[in-house]
Amino acid sequence: MLAIIAVALLLMFWAGPLAVAMFAQGGEETVSYRQLRAAVPWKYIGFFLGGFTMVFGLISFIEGRMSRRAAVFGLLSVAGLITLFDVPFDNILLPPNGDF
């Protein structure tokens, strides 16, 4: 269970910066994740991948098997959290994008 949580938190922390490093193009200037952390889709990548991994992994661990139902529940729960906590507020950043 701790391994699932550790992998999910690593994904949450590193997926966004790695995606920006691989796919964001800033022309002649290099673009950093810090500059894009409040822009869609970059601000959702880490939260979505890490959150899905955590929910799906823990459900699968508890049930003792991976199921399509667990995957759908993982997707819907993370989408619901994004809708509830990020969409209505302009100045809130989802983890791990907020300042420390």
PDB file of N, CA and C in Angstrom:
ATOM      1  N   MET A   1       0.821  -1.185   0.000  1.00  0.00           N
ATOM      2  CA  MET A   1       0.000   0.000   0.000  1.00  0.00           C
ATOM      3  C   MET A   1       0.874   1.261   0.000  1.00  0.00           C
ATOM      4  N   LEU A   2       1.943   1.222   0.771  1.00  0.00           N
ATOM      5  CA  LEU A   2       2.856   2.369   0.790  1.00  0.00           C
ATOM      6  C   LEU A   2       3.534   2.570  -0.563  1.00  0.00           C
ATOM      7  N   ALA A   3       3.817   1.493  -1.258  1.00  0.00           N
ATOM      8  CA  ALA A   3       4.433   1.605  -2.585  1.00  0.00           C
ATOM      9  C   ALA A   3       3.482   2.278  -3.573  1.00  0.00           C
ATOM     10  N   ILE A   4       2.205   1.942  -3.499  1.00  0.00           N
ATOM     11  CA  ILE A   4       1.208   2.563  -4.387  1.00  0.00           C
ATOM     12  C   ILE A   4       1.143   4.066  -4.114  1.00  0.00           C
ATOM     13  N   ILE A   5       1.101   4.436  -2.858  1.00  0.00           N
ATOM     14  CA  ILE A   5       1.033   5.855  -2.504  1.00  0.00           C
ATOM     15  C   ILE A   5       2.319   6.575  -2.912  1.00  0.00           C
ATOM     16  N   ALA A   6       3.464   5.931  -2.715  1.00  0.00           N
ATOM     17  CA  ALA A   6       4.743   6.553  -3.097  1.00  0.00           C
ATOM     18  C   ALA A   6       4.828   6.774  -4.602  1.00  0.00           C
ATOM     19  N   VAL A   7       4.433   5.775  -5.387  1.00  0.00           N
ATOM     20  CA  VAL A   7       4.451   5.915  -6.853  1.00  0.00           C
ATOM     21  C   VAL A   7       3.479   7.006  -7.286  1.00  0.00           C
ATOM     22  N   ALA A   8       2.297   7.045  -6.688  1.00  0.00           N
ATOM     23  CA  ALA A   8       1.308   8.058  -7.046  1.00  0.00           C
ATOM     24  C   ALA A   8       1.822   9.467  -6.734  1.00  0.00           C
ATOM     25  N   LEU A   9       2.462   9.632  -5.582  1.00  0.00           N
ATOM     26  CA  LEU A   9       2.993  10.952  -5.237  1.00  0.00           C
ATOM     27  C   LEU A   9       4.161  11.349  -6.136  1.00  0.00           C
ATOM     28  N   LEU A  10       5.000  10.389  -6.501  1.00  0.00           N
ATOM     29  CA  LEU A  10       6.075  10.684  -7.458  1.00  0.00           C
ATOM     30  C   LEU A  10       5.508  11.095  -8.811  1.00  0.00           C
ATOM     31  N   LEU A  11       4.485  10.382  -9.266  1.00  0.00           N
ATOM     32  CA  LEU A  11       3.830  10.765 -10.526  1.00  0.00           C
ATOM     33  C   LEU A  11       3.221  12.154 -10.414  1.00  0.00           C
ATOM     34  N   MET A  12       2.566  12.420  -9.307  1.00  0.00           N
ATOM     35  CA  MET A  12       1.932  13.718  -9.125  1.00  0.00           C
ATOM     36  C   MET A  12       2.958  14.846  -9.164  1.00  0.00           C
ATOM     37  N   PHE A  13       4.113  14.602  -8.565  1.00  0.00           N
ATOM     38  CA  PHE A  13       5.133  15.640  -8.487  1.00  0.00           C
ATOM     39  C   PHE A  13       5.912  15.814  -9.787  1.00  0.00           C
ATOM     40  N   TRP A  14       6.216  14.725 -10.502  1.00  0.00           N
ATOM     41  CA  TRP A  14       7.114  14.792 -11.650  1.00  0.00           C
ATOM     42  C   TRP A  14       6.449  14.722 -13.022  1.00  0.00           C
ATOM     43  N   ALA A  15       5.184  14.315 -13.120  1.00  0.00           N
ATOM     44  CA  ALA A  15       4.550  14.161 -14.436  1.00  0.00           C
ATOM     45  C   ALA A  15       4.421  15.499 -15.162  1.00  0.00           C
ATOM     46  N   GLY A  16       4.028  16.542 -14.459  1.00  0.00           N
ATOM     47  CA  GLY A  16       3.886  17.860 -15.087  1.00  0.00           C
ATOM     48  C   GLY A  16       5.194  18.407 -15.621  1.00  0.00           C
ATOM     49  N   PRO A  17       6.244  18.488 -14.781  1.00  0.00           N
ATOM     50  CA  PRO A  17       7.520  18.996 -15.292  1.00  0.00           C
ATOM     51  C   PRO A  17       8.105  18.151 -16.429  1.00  0.00           C
ATOM     52  N   LEU A  18       7.946  16.838 -16.358  1.00  0.00           N
ATOM     53  CA  LEU A  18       8.448  15.991 -17.450  1.00  0.00           C
ATOM     54  C   LEU A  18       7.657  16.215 -18.733  1.00  0.00           C
ATOM     55  N   ALA A  19       6.350  16.392 -18.619  1.00  0.00           N
ATOM     56  CA  ALA A  19       5.528  16.651 -19.810  1.00  0.00           C
ATOM     57  C   ALA A  19       5.901  17.986 -20.444  1.00  0.00           C
ATOM     58  N   VAL A  20       6.138  18.988 -19.629  1.00  0.00           N
ATOM     59  CA  VAL A  20       6.542  20.297 -20.162  1.00  0.00           C
ATOM     60  C   VAL A  20       7.903  20.184 -20.841  1.00  0.00           C
ATOM     61  N   ALA A  21       8.823  19.470 -20.224  1.00  0.00           N
ATOM     62  CA  ALA A  21      10.152  19.311 -20.812  1.00  0.00           C
ATOM     63  C   ALA A  21      10.094  18.579 -22.147  1.00  0.00           C
ATOM     64  N   MET A  22       9.165  17.640 -22.285  1.00  0.00           N
ATOM     65  CA  MET A  22       9.089  16.859 -23.521  1.00  0.00           C
ATOM     66  C   MET A  22       8.235  17.515 -24.601  1.00  0.00           C
ATOM     67  N   PHE A  23       7.132  18.191 -24.215  1.00  0.00           N
ATOM     68  CA  PHE A  23       6.165  18.616 -25.213  1.00  0.00           C
ATOM     69  C   PHE A  23       5.953  20.119 -25.355  1.00  0.00           C
ATOM     70  N   ALA A  24       6.276  20.914 -24.361  1.00  0.00           N
ATOM     71  CA  ALA A  24       6.043  22.361 -24.457  1.00  0.00           C
ATOM     72  C   ALA A  24       7.117  22.995 -25.311  1.00  0.00           C
ATOM     73  N   GLN A  25       6.676  23.820 -26.239  1.00  0.00           N
ATOM     74  CA  GLN A  25       7.616  24.513 -27.113  1.00  0.00           C
ATOM     75  C   GLN A  25       7.451  26.010 -26.907  1.00  0.00           C
ATOM     76  N   GLY A  26       8.533  26.646 -26.593  1.00  0.00           N
ATOM     77  CA  GLY A  26       8.487  28.080 -26.337  1.00  0.00           C
ATOM     78  C   GLY A  26       9.164  28.901 -27.410  1.00  0.00           C
ATOM     79  N   GLY A  27       9.361  28.327 -28.574  1.00  0.00           N
ATOM     80  CA  GLY A  27      10.058  29.051 -29.622  1.00  0.00           C
ATOM     81  C   GLY A  27      11.542  29.091 -29.342  1.00  0.00           C
ATOM     82  N   GLU A  28      12.126  30.280 -29.369  1.00  0.00           N
ATOM     83  CA  GLU A  28      13.557  30.418 -29.120  1.00  0.00           C
ATOM     84  C   GLU A  28      13.883  30.353 -27.628  1.00  0.00           C
ATOM     85  N   GLU A  29      12.944  30.763 -26.784  1.00  0.00           N
ATOM     86  CA  GLU A  29      13.171  30.732 -25.345  1.00  0.00           C
ATOM     87  C   GLU A  29      12.723  29.387 -24.776  1.00  0.00           C
ATOM     88  N   THR A  30      13.427  28.941 -23.777  1.00  0.00           N
ATOM     89  CA  THR A  30      13.005  27.715 -23.123  1.00  0.00           C
ATOM     90  C   THR A  30      11.882  28.038 -22.147  1.00  0.00           C
ATOM     91  N   VAL A  31      10.892  27.165 -22.107  1.00  0.00           N
ATOM     92  CA  VAL A  31       9.745  27.347 -21.238  1.00  0.00           C
ATOM     93  C   VAL A  31       9.880  26.369 -20.087  1.00  0.00           C
ATOM     94  N   SER A  32       9.704  26.871 -18.869  1.00  0.00           N
ATOM     95  CA  SER A  32       9.820  26.000 -17.702  1.00  0.00           C
ATOM     96  C   SER A  32       8.427  25.646 -17.181  1.00  0.00           C
ATOM     97  N   TYR A  33       8.383  24.601 -16.391  1.00  0.00           N
ATOM     98  CA  TYR A  33       7.112  24.190 -15.783  1.00  0.00           C
ATOM     99  C   TYR A  33       6.590  25.261 -14.844  1.00  0.00           C
ATOM    100  N   ARG A  34       7.476  25.949 -14.181  1.00  0.00           N
ATOM    101  CA  ARG A  34       7.063  27.012 -13.247  1.00  0.00           C
ATOM    102  C   ARG A  34       6.267  28.094 -13.966  1.00  0.00           C
ATOM    103  N   GLN A  35       6.608  28.379 -15.211  1.00  0.00           N
ATOM    104  CA  GLN A  35       5.881  29.384 -15.984  1.00  0.00           C
ATOM    105  C   GLN A  35       4.515  28.878 -16.431  1.00  0.00           C
ATOM    106  N   LEU A  36       4.383  27.558 -16.621  1.00  0.00           N
ATOM    107  CA  LEU A  36       3.148  26.987 -17.156  1.00  0.00           C
ATOM    108  C   LEU A  36       2.292  26.280 -16.121  1.00  0.00           C
ATOM    109  N   ARG A  37       2.683  26.302 -14.867  1.00  0.00           N
ATOM    110  CA  ARG A  37       1.995  25.486 -13.869  1.00  0.00           C
ATOM    111  C   ARG A  37       0.550  25.904 -13.616  1.00  0.00           C
ATOM    112  N   ALA A  38       0.139  27.074 -14.042  1.00  0.00           N
ATOM    113  CA  ALA A  38      -1.249  27.502 -13.881  1.00  0.00           C
ATOM    114  C   ALA A  38      -2.018  27.461 -15.188  1.00  0.00           C
ATOM    115  N   ALA A  39      -1.423  26.913 -16.249  1.00  0.00           N
ATOM    116  CA  ALA A  39      -2.065  26.872 -17.559  1.00  0.00           C
ATOM    117  C   ALA A  39      -2.582  25.467 -17.861  1.00  0.00           C
ATOM    118  N   VAL A  40      -3.752  25.424 -18.476  1.00  0.00           N
ATOM    119  CA  VAL A  40      -4.328  24.152 -18.907  1.00  0.00           C
ATOM    120  C   VAL A  40      -3.557  23.694 -20.133  1.00  0.00           C
ATOM    121  N   PRO A  41      -3.208  22.478 -20.313  1.00  0.00           N
ATOM    122  CA  PRO A  41      -3.444  21.251 -19.560  1.00  0.00           C
ATOM    123  C   PRO A  41      -2.331  20.931 -18.567  1.00  0.00           C
ATOM    124  N   TRP A  42      -1.311  21.766 -18.497  1.00  0.00           N
ATOM    125  CA  TRP A  42      -0.120  21.446 -17.708  1.00  0.00           C
ATOM    126  C   TRP A  42      -0.424  21.332 -16.220  1.00  0.00           C
ATOM    127  N   LYS A  43      -1.360  22.140 -15.733  1.00  0.00           N
ATOM    128  CA  LYS A  43      -1.640  22.114 -14.304  1.00  0.00           C
ATOM    129  C   LYS A  43      -2.409  20.875 -13.869  1.00  0.00           C
ATOM    130  N   TYR A  44      -3.001  20.156 -14.811  1.00  0.00           N
ATOM    131  CA  TYR A  44      -3.776  18.966 -14.469  1.00  0.00           C
ATOM    132  C   TYR A  44      -3.010  17.659 -14.645  1.00  0.00           C
ATOM    133  N   ILE A  45      -1.921  17.661 -15.355  1.00  0.00           N
ATOM    134  CA  ILE A  45      -1.242  16.399 -15.706  1.00  0.00           C
ATOM    135  C   ILE A  45      -0.800  15.630 -14.468  1.00  0.00           C
ATOM    136  N   GLY A  46      -0.065  16.259 -13.594  1.00  0.00           N
ATOM    137  CA  GLY A  46       0.426  15.563 -12.409  1.00  0.00           C
ATOM    138  C   GLY A  46      -0.686  15.154 -11.463  1.00  0.00           C
ATOM    139  N   PHE A  47      -1.627  16.069 -11.220  1.00  0.00           N
ATOM    140  CA  PHE A  47      -2.730  15.758 -10.317  1.00  0.00           C
ATOM    141  C   PHE A  47      -3.562  14.612 -10.865  1.00  0.00           C
ATOM    142  N   PHE A  48      -3.819  14.634 -12.166  1.00  0.00           N
ATOM    143  CA  PHE A  48      -4.656  13.599 -12.766  1.00  0.00           C
ATOM    144  C   PHE A  48      -3.952  12.241 -12.749  1.00  0.00           C
ATOM    145  N   LEU A  49      -2.715  12.187 -13.202  1.00  0.00           N
ATOM    146  CA  LEU A  49      -2.011  10.900 -13.235  1.00  0.00           C
ATOM    147  C   LEU A  49      -1.747  10.348 -11.836  1.00  0.00           C
ATOM    148  N   GLY A  50      -1.295  11.202 -10.930  1.00  0.00           N
ATOM    149  CA  GLY A  50      -1.033  10.754  -9.574  1.00  0.00           C
ATOM    150  C   GLY A  50      -2.305  10.371  -8.834  1.00  0.00           C
ATOM    151  N   GLY A  51      -3.337  11.174  -8.978  1.00  0.00           N
ATOM    152  CA  GLY A  51      -4.613  10.880  -8.327  1.00  0.00           C
ATOM    153  C   GLY A  51      -5.243   9.603  -8.854  1.00  0.00           C
ATOM    154  N   PHE A  52      -5.219   9.429 -10.186  1.00  0.00           N
ATOM    155  CA  PHE A  52      -5.760   8.201 -10.763  1.00  0.00           C
ATOM    156  C   PHE A  52      -4.976   6.984 -10.284  1.00  0.00           C
ATOM    157  N   THR A  53      -3.662   7.093 -10.282  1.00  0.00           N
ATOM    158  CA  THR A  53      -2.831   5.976  -9.841  1.00  0.00           C
ATOM    159  C   THR A  53      -3.125   5.622  -8.388  1.00  0.00           C
ATOM    160  N   MET A  54      -3.304   6.627  -7.559  1.00  0.00           N
ATOM    161  CA  MET A  54      -3.567   6.366  -6.150  1.00  0.00           C
ATOM    162  C   MET A  54      -4.930   5.704  -5.948  1.00  0.00           C
ATOM    163  N   VAL A  55      -5.969   6.255  -6.555  1.00  0.00           N
ATOM    164  CA  VAL A  55      -7.317   5.704  -6.370  1.00  0.00           C
ATOM    165  C   VAL A  55      -7.419   4.317  -6.989  1.00  0.00           C
ATOM    166  N   PHE A  56      -6.987   4.176  -8.224  1.00  0.00           N
ATOM    167  CA  PHE A  56      -7.058   2.882  -8.907  1.00  0.00           C
ATOM    168  C   PHE A  56      -6.183   1.846  -8.212  1.00  0.00           C
ATOM    169  N   GLY A  57      -4.979   2.242  -7.831  1.00  0.00           N
ATOM    170  CA  GLY A  57      -4.066   1.308  -7.182  1.00  0.00           C
ATOM    171  C   GLY A  57      -4.573   0.834  -5.835  1.00  0.00           C
ATOM    172  N   LEU A  58      -5.102   1.749  -5.021  1.00  0.00           N
ATOM    173  CA  LEU A  58      -5.595   1.352  -3.707  1.00  0.00           C
ATOM    174  C   LEU A  58      -6.859   0.501  -3.802  1.00  0.00           C
ATOM    175  N   ILE A  59      -7.763   0.829  -4.713  1.00  0.00           N
ATOM    176  CA  ILE A  59      -8.941  -0.009  -4.906  1.00  0.00           C
ATOM    177  C   ILE A  59      -8.532  -1.396  -5.383  1.00  0.00           C
ATOM    178  N   SER A  60      -7.620  -1.453  -6.331  1.00  0.00           N
ATOM    179  CA  SER A  60      -7.155  -2.747  -6.840  1.00  0.00           C
ATOM    180  C   SER A  60      -6.450  -3.546  -5.760  1.00  0.00           C
ATOM    181  N   PHE A  61      -5.680  -2.892  -4.924  1.00  0.00           N
ATOM    182  CA  PHE A  61      -4.988  -3.569  -3.830  1.00  0.00           C
ATOM    183  C   PHE A  61      -5.986  -4.145  -2.829  1.00  0.00           C
ATOM    184  N   ILE A  62      -6.990  -3.363  -2.476  1.00  0.00           N
ATOM    185  CA  ILE A  62      -7.976  -3.808  -1.497  1.00  0.00           C
ATOM    186  C   ILE A  62      -8.830  -4.944  -2.057  1.00  0.00           C
ATOM    187  N   GLU A  63      -9.229  -4.838  -3.340  1.00  0.00           N
ATOM    188  CA  GLU A  63     -10.044  -5.885  -3.948  1.00  0.00           C
ATOM    189  C   GLU A  63      -9.234  -7.116  -4.333  1.00  0.00           C
ATOM    190  N   GLY A  64      -7.931  -6.958  -4.471  1.00  0.00           N
ATOM    191  CA  GLY A  64      -7.086  -8.074  -4.860  1.00  0.00           C
ATOM    192  C   GLY A  64      -7.040  -8.333  -6.350  1.00  0.00           C
ATOM    193  N   ARG A  65      -7.576  -7.418  -7.139  1.00  0.00           N
ATOM    194  CA  ARG A  65      -7.559  -7.542  -8.598  1.00  0.00           C
ATOM    195  C   ARG A  65      -7.808  -6.175  -9.227  1.00  0.00           C
ATOM    196  N   MET A  66      -7.336  -6.022 -10.462  1.00  0.00           N
ATOM    197  CA  MET A  66      -7.619  -4.803 -11.215  1.00  0.00           C
ATOM    198  C   MET A  66      -8.940  -4.990 -11.938  1.00  0.00           C
ATOM    199  N   SER A  67      -9.745  -3.953 -11.951  1.00  0.00           N
ATOM    200  CA  SER A  67     -11.037  -4.054 -12.632  1.00  0.00           C
ATOM    201  C   SER A  67     -11.317  -2.770 -13.406  1.00  0.00           C
ATOM    202  N   ARG A  68     -12.163  -2.906 -14.376  1.00  0.00           N
ATOM    203  CA  ARG A  68     -12.578  -1.745 -15.164  1.00  0.00           C
ATOM    204  C   ARG A  68     -13.365  -0.768 -14.290  1.00  0.00           C
ATOM    205  N   ARG A  69     -14.124  -1.299 -13.347  1.00  0.00           N
ATOM    206  CA  ARG A  69     -14.897  -0.469 -12.440  1.00  0.00           C
ATOM    207  C   ARG A  69     -13.980   0.415 -11.594  1.00  0.00           C
ATOM    208  N   ALA A  70     -12.868  -0.139 -11.133  1.00  0.00           N
ATOM    209  CA  ALA A  70     -11.911   0.638 -10.350  1.00  0.00           C
ATOM    210  C   ALA A  70     -11.278   1.740 -11.200  1.00  0.00           C
ATOM    211  N   ALA A  71     -10.987   1.432 -12.448  1.00  0.00           N
ATOM    212  CA  ALA A  71     -10.408   2.438 -13.346  1.00  0.00           C
ATOM    213  C   ALA A  71     -11.395   3.566 -13.616  1.00  0.00           C
ATOM    214  N   VAL A  72     -12.644   3.207 -13.881  1.00  0.00           N
ATOM    215  CA  VAL A  72     -13.658   4.239 -14.126  1.00  0.00           C
ATOM    216  C   VAL A  72     -13.868   5.077 -12.872  1.00  0.00           C
ATOM    217  N   PHE A  73     -13.923   4.438 -11.712  1.00  0.00           N
ATOM    218  CA  PHE A  73     -14.082   5.184 -10.466  1.00  0.00           C
ATOM    219  C   PHE A  73     -12.888   6.104 -10.219  1.00  0.00           C
ATOM    220  N   GLY A  74     -11.685   5.636 -10.529  1.00  0.00           N
ATOM    221  CA  GLY A  74     -10.498   6.477 -10.402  1.00  0.00           C
ATOM    222  C   GLY A  74     -10.566   7.698 -11.302  1.00  0.00           C
ATOM    223  N   LEU A  75     -10.945   7.499 -12.549  1.00  0.00           N
ATOM    224  CA  LEU A  75     -11.070   8.617 -13.493  1.00  0.00           C
ATOM    225  C   LEU A  75     -12.133   9.616 -13.047  1.00  0.00           C
ATOM    226  N   LEU A  76     -13.296   9.090 -12.662  1.00  0.00           N
ATOM    227  CA  LEU A  76     -14.392   9.976 -12.261  1.00  0.00           C
ATOM    228  C   LEU A  76     -14.095  10.712 -10.958  1.00  0.00           C
ATOM    229  N   SER A  77     -13.441  10.056 -10.024  1.00  0.00           N
ATOM    230  CA  SER A  77     -13.151  10.726  -8.755  1.00  0.00           C
ATOM    231  C   SER A  77     -12.136  11.850  -8.938  1.00  0.00           C
ATOM    232  N   VAL A  78     -11.111  11.625  -9.746  1.00  0.00           N
ATOM    233  CA  VAL A  78     -10.122  12.687  -9.978  1.00  0.00           C
ATOM    234  C   VAL A  78     -10.744  13.826 -10.791  1.00  0.00           C
ATOM    235  N   ALA A  79     -11.558  13.487 -11.784  1.00  0.00           N
ATOM    236  CA  ALA A  79     -12.247  14.529 -12.550  1.00  0.00           C
ATOM    237  C   ALA A  79     -13.187  15.323 -11.649  1.00  0.00           C
ATOM    238  N   GLY A  80     -13.846  14.645 -10.729  1.00  0.00           N
ATOM    239  CA  GLY A  80     -14.720  15.337  -9.779  1.00  0.00           C
ATOM    240  C   GLY A  80     -13.955  16.267  -8.858  1.00  0.00           C
ATOM    241  N   LEU A  81     -12.792  15.831  -8.379  1.00  0.00           N
ATOM    242  CA  LEU A  81     -11.971  16.695  -7.520  1.00  0.00           C
ATOM    243  C   LEU A  81     -11.481  17.924  -8.273  1.00  0.00           C
ATOM    244  N   ILE A  82     -11.087  17.732  -9.519  1.00  0.00           N
ATOM    245  CA  ILE A  82     -10.657  18.874 -10.341  1.00  0.00           C
ATOM    246  C   ILE A  82     -11.817  19.840 -10.536  1.00  0.00           C
ATOM    247  N   THR A  83     -12.989  19.302 -10.852  1.00  0.00           N
ATOM    248  CA  THR A  83     -14.164  20.144 -11.065  1.00  0.00           C
ATOM    249  C   THR A  83     -14.569  20.884  -9.789  1.00  0.00           C
ATOM    250  N   LEU A  84     -14.466  20.211  -8.660  1.00  0.00           N
ATOM    251  CA  LEU A  84     -14.885  20.798  -7.394  1.00  0.00           C
ATOM    252  C   LEU A  84     -13.909  21.841  -6.861  1.00  0.00           C
ATOM    253  N   PHE A  85     -12.614  21.574  -6.971  1.00  0.00           N
ATOM    254  CA  PHE A  85     -11.635  22.447  -6.324  1.00  0.00           C
ATOM    255  C   PHE A  85     -10.901  23.401  -7.259  1.00  0.00           C
ATOM    256  N   ASP A  86     -10.856  23.133  -8.553  1.00  0.00           N
ATOM    257  CA  ASP A  86     -10.073  24.010  -9.430  1.00  0.00           C
ATOM    258  C   ASP A  86     -10.927  24.861 -10.354  1.00  0.00           C
ATOM    259  N   VAL A  87     -11.964  24.301 -10.917  1.00  0.00           N
ATOM    260  CA  VAL A  87     -12.744  25.026 -11.920  1.00  0.00           C
ATOM    261  C   VAL A  87     -13.399  26.285 -11.359  1.00  0.00           C
ATOM    262  N   PRO A  88     -14.038  26.248 -10.161  1.00  0.00           N
ATOM    263  CA  PRO A  88     -14.704  27.466  -9.711  1.00  0.00           C
ATOM    264  C   PRO A  88     -13.769  28.567  -9.196  1.00  0.00           C
ATOM    265  N   PHE A  89     -12.514  28.239  -8.918  1.00  0.00           N
ATOM    266  CA  PHE A  89     -11.602  29.208  -8.315  1.00  0.00           C
ATOM    267  C   PHE A  89     -10.445  29.528  -9.260  1.00  0.00           C
ATOM    268  N   ASP A  90     -10.202  30.803  -9.462  1.00  0.00           N
ATOM    269  CA  ASP A  90      -9.129  31.222 -10.369  1.00  0.00           C
ATOM    270  C   ASP A  90      -7.759  31.238  -9.706  1.00  0.00           C
ATOM    271  N   ASN A  91      -7.712  31.435  -8.401  1.00  0.00           N
ATOM    272  CA  ASN A  91      -6.422  31.627  -7.754  1.00  0.00           C
ATOM    273  C   ASN A  91      -5.944  30.427  -6.932  1.00  0.00           C
ATOM    274  N   ILE A  92      -6.592  29.276  -7.068  1.00  0.00           N
ATOM    275  CA  ILE A  92      -6.174  28.075  -6.350  1.00  0.00           C
ATOM    276  C   ILE A  92      -5.461  27.147  -7.324  1.00  0.00           C
ATOM    277  N   LEU A  93      -4.294  26.640  -6.907  1.00  0.00           N
ATOM    278  CA  LEU A  93      -3.569  25.668  -7.708  1.00  0.00           C
ATOM    279  C   LEU A  93      -3.646  24.307  -7.021  1.00  0.00           C
ATOM    280  N   LEU A  94      -3.957  23.272  -7.800  1.00  0.00           N
ATOM    281  CA  LEU A  94      -4.009  21.923  -7.262  1.00  0.00           C
ATOM    282  C   LEU A  94      -2.604  21.447  -6.918  1.00  0.00           C
ATOM    283  N   PRO A  95      -2.494  20.498  -5.991  1.00  0.00           N
ATOM    284  CA  PRO A  95      -1.177  19.950  -5.668  1.00  0.00           C
ATOM    285  C   PRO A  95      -0.566  19.298  -6.895  1.00  0.00           C
ATOM    286  N   PRO A  96       0.652  19.329  -7.118  1.00  0.00           N
ATOM    287  CA  PRO A  96       1.745  19.913  -6.367  1.00  0.00           C
ATOM    288  C   PRO A  96       2.137  21.276  -6.888  1.00  0.00           C
ATOM    289  N   ASN A  97       1.239  21.977  -7.540  1.00  0.00           N
ATOM    290  CA  ASN A  97       1.583  23.227  -8.213  1.00  0.00           C
ATOM    291  C   ASN A  97       1.629  24.440  -7.305  1.00  0.00           C
ATOM    292  N   GLY A  98       1.031  24.375  -6.143  1.00  0.00           N
ATOM    293  CA  GLY A  98       1.022  25.510  -5.236  1.00  0.00           C
ATOM    294  C   GLY A  98       2.398  25.806  -4.669  1.00  0.00           C
ATOM    295  N   ASP A  99       2.593  27.029  -4.233  1.00  0.00           N
ATOM    296  CA  ASP A  99       3.869  27.404  -3.619  1.00  0.00           C
ATOM    297  C   ASP A  99       3.989  26.781  -2.246  1.00  0.00           C
ATOM    298  N   PHE A 100       5.194  26.507  -1.863  1.00  0.00           N
ATOM    299  CA  PHE A 100       5.445  25.888  -0.556  1.00  0.00           C
ATOM    300  C   PHE A 100       5.569  26.948   0.497  1.00  0.00           C
TER     301      PHE A 100
END
